[in-house]
Amino acid sequence: MDNVDIQRQVAHMLIEWNPLQLKEAAYKAQSTEVVKALQQTVDPSILGSQIQRIYEASFQKWLPIEECITTARKLISLKLTDMTHND
């Protein structure tokens, strides 16, 4: 997984998700943290929990775990697709 390319794609997906209705630049630090978490797992429940924790720590806002898991599934799909195309 090319870290720069995946970082860009993750950032784009998080901006489109925009769970807190913020301007797109607001999620830059979170996308970096989410990429790190994504590199460690392919389990949507684990990644979803990590996404929830990252956003809560950054914005002091709680996000429903279901939304975080849905986003985690999309990110994991992106990661796995990227991995199969690079093999």
PDB file of N, CA and C in Angstrom:
ATOM      1  N   MET A   1       0.858  -1.171   0.000  1.00  0.00           N
ATOM      2  CA  MET A   1       0.000   0.000   0.000  1.00  0.00           C
ATOM      3  C   MET A   1       0.903   1.232   0.000  1.00  0.00           C
ATOM      4  N   ASP A   2       0.799   2.054  -1.038  1.00  0.00           N
ATOM      5  CA  ASP A   2       1.548   3.305  -1.115  1.00  0.00           C
ATOM      6  C   ASP A   2       0.928   4.283  -0.136  1.00  0.00           C
ATOM      7  N   ASN A   3       1.690   4.662   0.880  1.00  0.00           N
ATOM      8  CA  ASN A   3       1.151   5.455   1.973  1.00  0.00           C
ATOM      9  C   ASN A   3       0.617   6.809   1.514  1.00  0.00           C
ATOM     10  N   VAL A   4       1.299   7.458   0.586  1.00  0.00           N
ATOM     11  CA  VAL A   4       0.848   8.776   0.122  1.00  0.00           C
ATOM     12  C   VAL A   4      -0.469   8.650  -0.640  1.00  0.00           C
ATOM     13  N   ASP A   5      -0.562   7.660  -1.504  1.00  0.00           N
ATOM     14  CA  ASP A   5      -1.775   7.471  -2.287  1.00  0.00           C
ATOM     15  C   ASP A   5      -2.942   7.067  -1.394  1.00  0.00           C
ATOM     16  N   ILE A   6      -2.712   6.126  -0.495  1.00  0.00           N
ATOM     17  CA  ILE A   6      -3.797   5.687   0.382  1.00  0.00           C
ATOM     18  C   ILE A   6      -4.206   6.813   1.325  1.00  0.00           C
ATOM     19  N   GLN A   7      -3.242   7.606   1.780  1.00  0.00           N
ATOM     20  CA  GLN A   7      -3.554   8.765   2.637  1.00  0.00           C
ATOM     21  C   GLN A   7      -4.505   9.709   1.900  1.00  0.00           C
ATOM     22  N   ARG A   8      -4.218   9.956   0.656  1.00  0.00           N
ATOM     23  CA  ARG A   8      -5.056  10.843  -0.156  1.00  0.00           C
ATOM     24  C   ARG A   8      -6.463  10.272  -0.313  1.00  0.00           C
ATOM     25  N   GLN A   9      -6.550   8.977  -0.599  1.00  0.00           N
ATOM     26  CA  GLN A   9      -7.851   8.341  -0.787  1.00  0.00           C
ATOM     27  C   GLN A   9      -8.653   8.299   0.513  1.00  0.00           C
ATOM     28  N   VAL A  10      -7.973   7.991   1.617  1.00  0.00           N
ATOM     29  CA  VAL A  10      -8.645   7.974   2.917  1.00  0.00           C
ATOM     30  C   VAL A  10      -9.140   9.372   3.260  1.00  0.00           C
ATOM     31  N   ALA A  11      -8.300  10.375   3.056  1.00  0.00           N
ATOM     32  CA  ALA A  11      -8.698  11.754   3.339  1.00  0.00           C
ATOM     33  C   ALA A  11      -9.935  12.123   2.531  1.00  0.00           C
ATOM     34  N   HIS A  12      -9.955  11.742   1.269  1.00  0.00           N
ATOM     35  CA  HIS A  12     -11.105  12.032   0.410  1.00  0.00           C
ATOM     36  C   HIS A  12     -12.370  11.340   0.943  1.00  0.00           C
ATOM     37  N   MET A  13     -12.241  10.080   1.342  1.00  0.00           N
ATOM     38  CA  MET A  13     -13.402   9.355   1.865  1.00  0.00           C
ATOM     39  C   MET A  13     -13.909   9.971   3.171  1.00  0.00           C
ATOM     40  N   LEU A  14     -12.990  10.389   4.031  1.00  0.00           N
ATOM     41  CA  LEU A  14     -13.398  10.995   5.302  1.00  0.00           C
ATOM     42  C   LEU A  14     -14.050  12.359   5.080  1.00  0.00           C
ATOM     43  N   ILE A  15     -13.560  13.107   4.109  1.00  0.00           N
ATOM     44  CA  ILE A  15     -14.167  14.399   3.770  1.00  0.00           C
ATOM     45  C   ILE A  15     -15.591  14.174   3.249  1.00  0.00           C
ATOM     46  N   GLU A  16     -15.745  13.181   2.388  1.00  0.00           N
ATOM     47  CA  GLU A  16     -17.087  12.892   1.861  1.00  0.00           C
ATOM     48  C   GLU A  16     -18.023  12.402   2.959  1.00  0.00           C
ATOM     49  N   TRP A  17     -17.502  11.614   3.884  1.00  0.00           N
ATOM     50  CA  TRP A  17     -18.311  11.126   5.009  1.00  0.00           C
ATOM     51  C   TRP A  17     -18.720  12.310   5.872  1.00  0.00           C
ATOM     52  N   ASN A  18     -17.779  13.146   6.239  1.00  0.00           N
ATOM     53  CA  ASN A  18     -17.979  14.388   6.988  1.00  0.00           C
ATOM     54  C   ASN A  18     -19.017  14.254   8.110  1.00  0.00           C
ATOM     55  N   PRO A  19     -18.758  13.393   9.089  1.00  0.00           N
ATOM     56  CA  PRO A  19     -19.762  13.121  10.123  1.00  0.00           C
ATOM     57  C   PRO A  19     -20.078  14.309  11.025  1.00  0.00           C
ATOM     58  N   LEU A  20     -19.183  15.281  11.074  1.00  0.00           N
ATOM     59  CA  LEU A  20     -19.399  16.428  11.953  1.00  0.00           C
ATOM     60  C   LEU A  20     -19.729  17.701  11.182  1.00  0.00           C
ATOM     61  N   GLN A  21     -19.906  17.563   9.876  1.00  0.00           N
ATOM     62  CA  GLN A  21     -20.270  18.695   9.012  1.00  0.00           C
ATOM     63  C   GLN A  21     -19.271  19.852   9.131  1.00  0.00           C
ATOM     64  N   LEU A  22     -17.978  19.507   9.058  1.00  0.00           N
ATOM     65  CA  LEU A  22     -16.921  20.509   9.147  1.00  0.00           C
ATOM     66  C   LEU A  22     -16.333  20.772   7.773  1.00  0.00           C
ATOM     67  N   LYS A  23     -15.519  21.811   7.678  1.00  0.00           N
ATOM     68  CA  LYS A  23     -14.805  22.080   6.428  1.00  0.00           C
ATOM     69  C   LYS A  23     -13.778  20.982   6.211  1.00  0.00           C
ATOM     70  N   GLU A  24     -13.470  20.699   4.948  1.00  0.00           N
ATOM     71  CA  GLU A  24     -12.645  19.539   4.637  1.00  0.00           C
ATOM     72  C   GLU A  24     -11.263  19.556   5.289  1.00  0.00           C
ATOM     73  N   ALA A  25     -10.654  20.702   5.481  1.00  0.00           N
ATOM     74  CA  ALA A  25      -9.327  20.758   6.093  1.00  0.00           C
ATOM     75  C   ALA A  25      -9.339  20.299   7.550  1.00  0.00           C
ATOM     76  N   ALA A  26     -10.500  20.266   8.164  1.00  0.00           N
ATOM     77  CA  ALA A  26     -10.611  19.908   9.579  1.00  0.00           C
ATOM     78  C   ALA A  26     -10.236  18.458   9.855  1.00  0.00           C
ATOM     79  N   TYR A  27     -10.244  17.597   8.844  1.00  0.00           N
ATOM     80  CA  TYR A  27     -10.025  16.170   9.057  1.00  0.00           C
ATOM     81  C   TYR A  27      -8.617  15.701   8.702  1.00  0.00           C
ATOM     82  N   LYS A  28      -7.702  16.590   8.430  1.00  0.00           N
ATOM     83  CA  LYS A  28      -6.366  16.188   7.986  1.00  0.00           C
ATOM     84  C   LYS A  28      -5.651  15.321   9.020  1.00  0.00           C
ATOM     85  N   ALA A  29      -5.614  15.751  10.264  1.00  0.00           N
ATOM     86  CA  ALA A  29      -4.931  14.981  11.308  1.00  0.00           C
ATOM     87  C   ALA A  29      -5.622  13.634  11.521  1.00  0.00           C
ATOM     88  N   GLN A  30      -6.941  13.614  11.452  1.00  0.00           N
ATOM     89  CA  GLN A  30      -7.669  12.377  11.667  1.00  0.00           C
ATOM     90  C   GLN A  30      -7.406  11.379  10.542  1.00  0.00           C
ATOM     91  N   SER A  31      -7.293  11.874   9.321  1.00  0.00           N
ATOM     92  CA  SER A  31      -7.036  10.948   8.211  1.00  0.00           C
ATOM     93  C   SER A  31      -5.677  10.277   8.382  1.00  0.00           C
ATOM     94  N   THR A  32      -4.693  10.999   8.892  1.00  0.00           N
ATOM     95  CA  THR A  32      -3.375  10.409   9.151  1.00  0.00           C
ATOM     96  C   THR A  32      -3.487   9.308  10.197  1.00  0.00           C
ATOM     97  N   GLU A  33      -4.232   9.570  11.261  1.00  0.00           N
ATOM     98  CA  GLU A  33      -4.412   8.566  12.315  1.00  0.00           C
ATOM     99  C   GLU A  33      -5.213   7.368  11.819  1.00  0.00           C
ATOM    100  N   VAL A  34      -6.218   7.628  10.996  1.00  0.00           N
ATOM    101  CA  VAL A  34      -7.031   6.536  10.462  1.00  0.00           C
ATOM    102  C   VAL A  34      -6.190   5.660   9.532  1.00  0.00           C
ATOM    103  N   VAL A  35      -5.319   6.253   8.733  1.00  0.00           N
ATOM    104  CA  VAL A  35      -4.433   5.468   7.862  1.00  0.00           C
ATOM    105  C   VAL A  35      -3.557   4.549   8.706  1.00  0.00           C
ATOM    106  N   LYS A  36      -3.001   5.063   9.790  1.00  0.00           N
ATOM    107  CA  LYS A  36      -2.173   4.234  10.671  1.00  0.00           C
ATOM    108  C   LYS A  36      -2.985   3.066  11.220  1.00  0.00           C
ATOM    109  N   ALA A  37      -4.205   3.340  11.643  1.00  0.00           N
ATOM    110  CA  ALA A  37      -5.071   2.279  12.165  1.00  0.00           C
ATOM    111  C   ALA A  37      -5.424   1.279  11.068  1.00  0.00           C
ATOM    112  N   LEU A  38      -5.682   1.770   9.874  1.00  0.00           N
ATOM    113  CA  LEU A  38      -6.034   0.925   8.736  1.00  0.00           C
ATOM    114  C   LEU A  38      -4.894  -0.019   8.375  1.00  0.00           C
ATOM    115  N   GLN A  39      -3.669   0.425   8.547  1.00  0.00           N
ATOM    116  CA  GLN A  39      -2.514  -0.422   8.226  1.00  0.00           C
ATOM    117  C   GLN A  39      -2.386  -1.594   9.195  1.00  0.00           C
ATOM    118  N   GLN A  40      -3.059  -1.515  10.344  1.00  0.00           N
ATOM    119  CA  GLN A  40      -2.917  -2.535  11.386  1.00  0.00           C
ATOM    120  C   GLN A  40      -4.007  -3.603  11.373  1.00  0.00           C
ATOM    121  N   THR A  41      -5.097  -3.389  10.618  1.00  0.00           N
ATOM    122  CA  THR A  41      -6.222  -4.323  10.714  1.00  0.00           C
ATOM    123  C   THR A  41      -7.027  -4.382   9.427  1.00  0.00           C
ATOM    124  N   VAL A  42      -7.763  -5.484   9.290  1.00  0.00           N
ATOM    125  CA  VAL A  42      -8.776  -5.606   8.242  1.00  0.00           C
ATOM    126  C   VAL A  42     -10.122  -5.966   8.875  1.00  0.00           C
ATOM    127  N   ASP A  43     -10.225  -5.761  10.178  1.00  0.00           N
ATOM    128  CA  ASP A  43     -11.454  -6.047  10.909  1.00  0.00           C
ATOM    129  C   ASP A  43     -12.267  -4.755  11.045  1.00  0.00           C
ATOM    130  N   PRO A  44     -13.465  -4.698  10.426  1.00  0.00           N
ATOM    131  CA  PRO A  44     -14.261  -3.468  10.480  1.00  0.00           C
ATOM    132  C   PRO A  44     -14.652  -3.041  11.892  1.00  0.00           C
ATOM    133  N   SER A  45     -14.876  -3.998  12.789  1.00  0.00           N
ATOM    134  CA  SER A  45     -15.246  -3.644  14.160  1.00  0.00           C
ATOM    135  C   SER A  45     -14.098  -2.962  14.891  1.00  0.00           C
ATOM    136  N   ILE A  46     -12.901  -3.496  14.707  1.00  0.00           N
ATOM    137  CA  ILE A  46     -11.722  -2.898  15.344  1.00  0.00           C
ATOM    138  C   ILE A  46     -11.450  -1.519  14.764  1.00  0.00           C
ATOM    139  N   LEU A  47     -11.427  -1.426  13.434  1.00  0.00           N
ATOM    140  CA  LEU A  47     -11.159  -0.136  12.800  1.00  0.00           C
ATOM    141  C   LEU A  47     -12.262   0.864  13.130  1.00  0.00           C
ATOM    142  N   GLY A  48     -13.512   0.421  13.134  1.00  0.00           N
ATOM    143  CA  GLY A  48     -14.626   1.305  13.476  1.00  0.00           C
ATOM    144  C   GLY A  48     -14.474   1.880  14.881  1.00  0.00           C
ATOM    145  N   SER A  49     -14.079   1.046  15.822  1.00  0.00           N
ATOM    146  CA  SER A  49     -13.850   1.512  17.191  1.00  0.00           C
ATOM    147  C   SER A  49     -12.706   2.516  17.247  1.00  0.00           C
ATOM    148  N   GLN A  50     -11.675   2.263  16.474  1.00  0.00           N
ATOM    149  CA  GLN A  50     -10.545   3.191  16.438  1.00  0.00           C
ATOM    150  C   GLN A  50     -10.945   4.525  15.808  1.00  0.00           C
ATOM    151  N   ILE A  51     -11.737   4.475  14.746  1.00  0.00           N
ATOM    152  CA  ILE A  51     -12.218   5.707  14.119  1.00  0.00           C
ATOM    153  C   ILE A  51     -13.055   6.503  15.119  1.00  0.00           C
ATOM    154  N   GLN A  52     -13.941   5.812  15.819  1.00  0.00           N
ATOM    155  CA  GLN A  52     -14.775   6.475  16.818  1.00  0.00           C
ATOM    156  C   GLN A  52     -13.908   7.157  17.874  1.00  0.00           C
ATOM    157  N   ARG A  53     -12.885   6.461  18.353  1.00  0.00           N
ATOM    158  CA  ARG A  53     -11.994   6.989  19.380  1.00  0.00           C
ATOM    159  C   ARG A  53     -11.196   8.190  18.850  1.00  0.00           C
ATOM    160  N   ILE A  54     -10.704   8.095  17.619  1.00  0.00           N
ATOM    161  CA  ILE A  54      -9.922   9.187  17.006  1.00  0.00           C
ATOM    162  C   ILE A  54     -10.767  10.464  16.916  1.00  0.00           C
ATOM    163  N   TYR A  55     -11.983  10.329  16.422  1.00  0.00           N
ATOM    164  CA  TYR A  55     -12.852  11.503  16.282  1.00  0.00           C
ATOM    165  C   TYR A  55     -13.277  12.062  17.634  1.00  0.00           C
ATOM    166  N   GLU A  56     -13.558  11.165  18.568  1.00  0.00           N
ATOM    167  CA  GLU A  56     -13.956  11.626  19.895  1.00  0.00           C
ATOM    168  C   GLU A  56     -12.811  12.376  20.572  1.00  0.00           C
ATOM    169  N   ALA A  57     -11.593  11.857  20.453  1.00  0.00           N
ATOM    170  CA  ALA A  57     -10.434  12.521  21.060  1.00  0.00           C
ATOM    171  C   ALA A  57     -10.151  13.874  20.405  1.00  0.00           C
ATOM    172  N   SER A  58     -10.357  13.960  19.112  1.00  0.00           N
ATOM    173  CA  SER A  58     -10.050  15.197  18.386  1.00  0.00           C
ATOM    174  C   SER A  58     -11.114  16.276  18.554  1.00  0.00           C
ATOM    175  N   PHE A  59     -12.371  15.868  18.551  1.00  0.00           N
ATOM    176  CA  PHE A  59     -13.455  16.844  18.501  1.00  0.00           C
ATOM    177  C   PHE A  59     -14.377  16.821  19.720  1.00  0.00           C
ATOM    178  N   GLN A  60     -14.103  15.929  20.662  1.00  0.00           N
ATOM    179  CA  GLN A  60     -14.958  15.772  21.839  1.00  0.00           C
ATOM    180  C   GLN A  60     -16.419  15.559  21.441  1.00  0.00           C
ATOM    181  N   LYS A  61     -16.592  14.842  20.357  1.00  0.00           N
ATOM    182  CA  LYS A  61     -17.931  14.495  19.853  1.00  0.00           C
ATOM    183  C   LYS A  61     -17.991  12.983  19.691  1.00  0.00           C
ATOM    184  N   TRP A  62     -19.063  12.401  20.165  1.00  0.00           N
ATOM    185  CA  TRP A  62     -19.258  10.968  20.047  1.00  0.00           C
ATOM    186  C   TRP A  62     -19.966  10.673  18.736  1.00  0.00           C
ATOM    187  N   LEU A  63     -19.456   9.668  18.012  1.00  0.00           N
ATOM    188  CA  LEU A  63     -20.088   9.224  16.772  1.00  0.00           C
ATOM    189  C   LEU A  63     -20.665   7.830  16.988  1.00  0.00           C
ATOM    190  N   PRO A  64     -21.820   7.554  16.430  1.00  0.00           N
ATOM    191  CA  PRO A  64     -22.393   6.210  16.566  1.00  0.00           C
ATOM    192  C   PRO A  64     -21.456   5.158  15.962  1.00  0.00           C
ATOM    193  N   ILE A  65     -21.268   4.077  16.681  1.00  0.00           N
ATOM    194  CA  ILE A  65     -20.345   3.037  16.224  1.00  0.00           C
ATOM    195  C   ILE A  65     -20.769   2.464  14.869  1.00  0.00           C
ATOM    196  N   GLU A  66     -22.058   2.417  14.603  1.00  0.00           N
ATOM    197  CA  GLU A  66     -22.530   1.880  13.322  1.00  0.00           C
ATOM    198  C   GLU A  66     -21.988   2.698  12.153  1.00  0.00           C
ATOM    199  N   GLU A  67     -21.999   4.026  12.293  1.00  0.00           N
ATOM    200  CA  GLU A  67     -21.454   4.890  11.241  1.00  0.00           C
ATOM    201  C   GLU A  67     -19.958   4.657  11.067  1.00  0.00           C
ATOM    202  N   CYS A  68     -19.271   4.496  12.171  1.00  0.00           N
ATOM    203  CA  CYS A  68     -17.821   4.287  12.126  1.00  0.00           C
ATOM    204  C   CYS A  68     -17.481   2.942  11.483  1.00  0.00           C
ATOM    205  N   ILE A  69     -18.267   1.923  11.782  1.00  0.00           N
ATOM    206  CA  ILE A  69     -18.026   0.605  11.186  1.00  0.00           C
ATOM    207  C   ILE A  69     -18.338   0.625   9.694  1.00  0.00           C
ATOM    208  N   THR A  70     -19.383   1.318   9.297  1.00  0.00           N
ATOM    209  CA  THR A  70     -19.699   1.444   7.866  1.00  0.00           C
ATOM    210  C   THR A  70     -18.535   2.109   7.130  1.00  0.00           C
ATOM    211  N   THR A  71     -17.999   3.167   7.705  1.00  0.00           N
ATOM    212  CA  THR A  71     -16.845   3.851   7.099  1.00  0.00           C
ATOM    213  C   THR A  71     -15.635   2.930   7.110  1.00  0.00           C
ATOM    214  N   ALA A  72     -15.437   2.197   8.187  1.00  0.00           N
ATOM    215  CA  ALA A  72     -14.312   1.250   8.282  1.00  0.00           C
ATOM    216  C   ALA A  72     -14.394   0.210   7.172  1.00  0.00           C
ATOM    217  N   ARG A  73     -15.590  -0.300   6.910  1.00  0.00           N
ATOM    218  CA  ARG A  73     -15.756  -1.289   5.833  1.00  0.00           C
ATOM    219  C   ARG A  73     -15.329  -0.713   4.483  1.00  0.00           C
ATOM    220  N   LYS A  74     -15.712   0.523   4.221  1.00  0.00           N
ATOM    221  CA  LYS A  74     -15.338   1.170   2.955  1.00  0.00           C
ATOM    222  C   LYS A  74     -13.827   1.345   2.861  1.00  0.00           C
ATOM    223  N   LEU A  75     -13.207   1.742   3.965  1.00  0.00           N
ATOM    224  CA  LEU A  75     -11.759   1.944   3.968  1.00  0.00           C
ATOM    225  C   LEU A  75     -11.014   0.618   3.805  1.00  0.00           C
ATOM    226  N   ILE A  76     -11.498  -0.421   4.460  1.00  0.00           N
ATOM    227  CA  ILE A  76     -10.870  -1.735   4.337  1.00  0.00           C
ATOM    228  C   ILE A  76     -11.020  -2.257   2.913  1.00  0.00           C
ATOM    229  N   SER A  77     -12.173  -2.036   2.317  1.00  0.00           N
ATOM    230  CA  SER A  77     -12.376  -2.421   0.921  1.00  0.00           C
ATOM    231  C   SER A  77     -11.385  -1.702   0.012  1.00  0.00           C
ATOM    232  N   LEU A  78     -11.190  -0.420   0.261  1.00  0.00           N
ATOM    233  CA  LEU A  78     -10.206   0.364  -0.492  1.00  0.00           C
ATOM    234  C   LEU A  78      -8.809  -0.236  -0.323  1.00  0.00           C
ATOM    235  N   LYS A  79      -8.451  -0.558   0.897  1.00  0.00           N
ATOM    236  CA  LYS A  79      -7.136  -1.136   1.192  1.00  0.00           C
ATOM    237  C   LYS A  79      -6.954  -2.471   0.482  1.00  0.00           C
ATOM    238  N   LEU A  80      -7.953  -3.350   0.594  1.00  0.00           N
ATOM    239  CA  LEU A  80      -7.835  -4.673  -0.018  1.00  0.00           C
ATOM    240  C   LEU A  80      -7.805  -4.594  -1.538  1.00  0.00           C
ATOM    241  N   THR A  81      -8.579  -3.688  -2.102  1.00  0.00           N
ATOM    242  CA  THR A  81      -8.552  -3.493  -3.551  1.00  0.00           C
ATOM    243  C   THR A  81      -7.181  -3.012  -3.992  1.00  0.00           C
ATOM    244  N   ASP A  82      -6.624  -2.075  -3.239  1.00  0.00           N
ATOM    245  CA  ASP A  82      -5.287  -1.559  -3.532  1.00  0.00           C
ATOM    246  C   ASP A  82      -4.251  -2.678  -3.446  1.00  0.00           C
ATOM    247  N   MET A  83      -4.372  -3.535  -2.452  1.00  0.00           N
ATOM    248  CA  MET A  83      -3.415  -4.625  -2.270  1.00  0.00           C
ATOM    249  C   MET A  83      -3.491  -5.618  -3.426  1.00  0.00           C
ATOM    250  N   THR A  84      -4.694  -5.929  -3.916  1.00  0.00           N
ATOM    251  CA  THR A  84      -4.822  -6.897  -5.002  1.00  0.00           C
ATOM    252  C   THR A  84      -4.332  -6.322  -6.324  1.00  0.00           C
ATOM    253  N   HIS A  85      -4.439  -5.018  -6.487  1.00  0.00           N
ATOM    254  CA  HIS A  85      -3.949  -4.395  -7.722  1.00  0.00           C
ATOM    255  C   HIS A  85      -2.437  -4.229  -7.725  1.00  0.00           C
ATOM    256  N   ASN A  86      -1.825  -4.236  -6.556  1.00  0.00           N
ATOM    257  CA  ASN A  86      -0.378  -4.071  -6.479  1.00  0.00           C
ATOM    258  C   ASN A  86       0.375  -5.396  -6.412  1.00  0.00           C
ATOM    259  N   ASP A  87      -0.356  -6.513  -6.386  1.00  0.00           N
ATOM    260  CA  ASP A  87       0.307  -7.830  -6.354  1.00  0.00           C
ATOM    261  C   ASP A  87       0.647  -8.307  -7.731  1.00  0.00           C
TER     262      ASP A  87
END
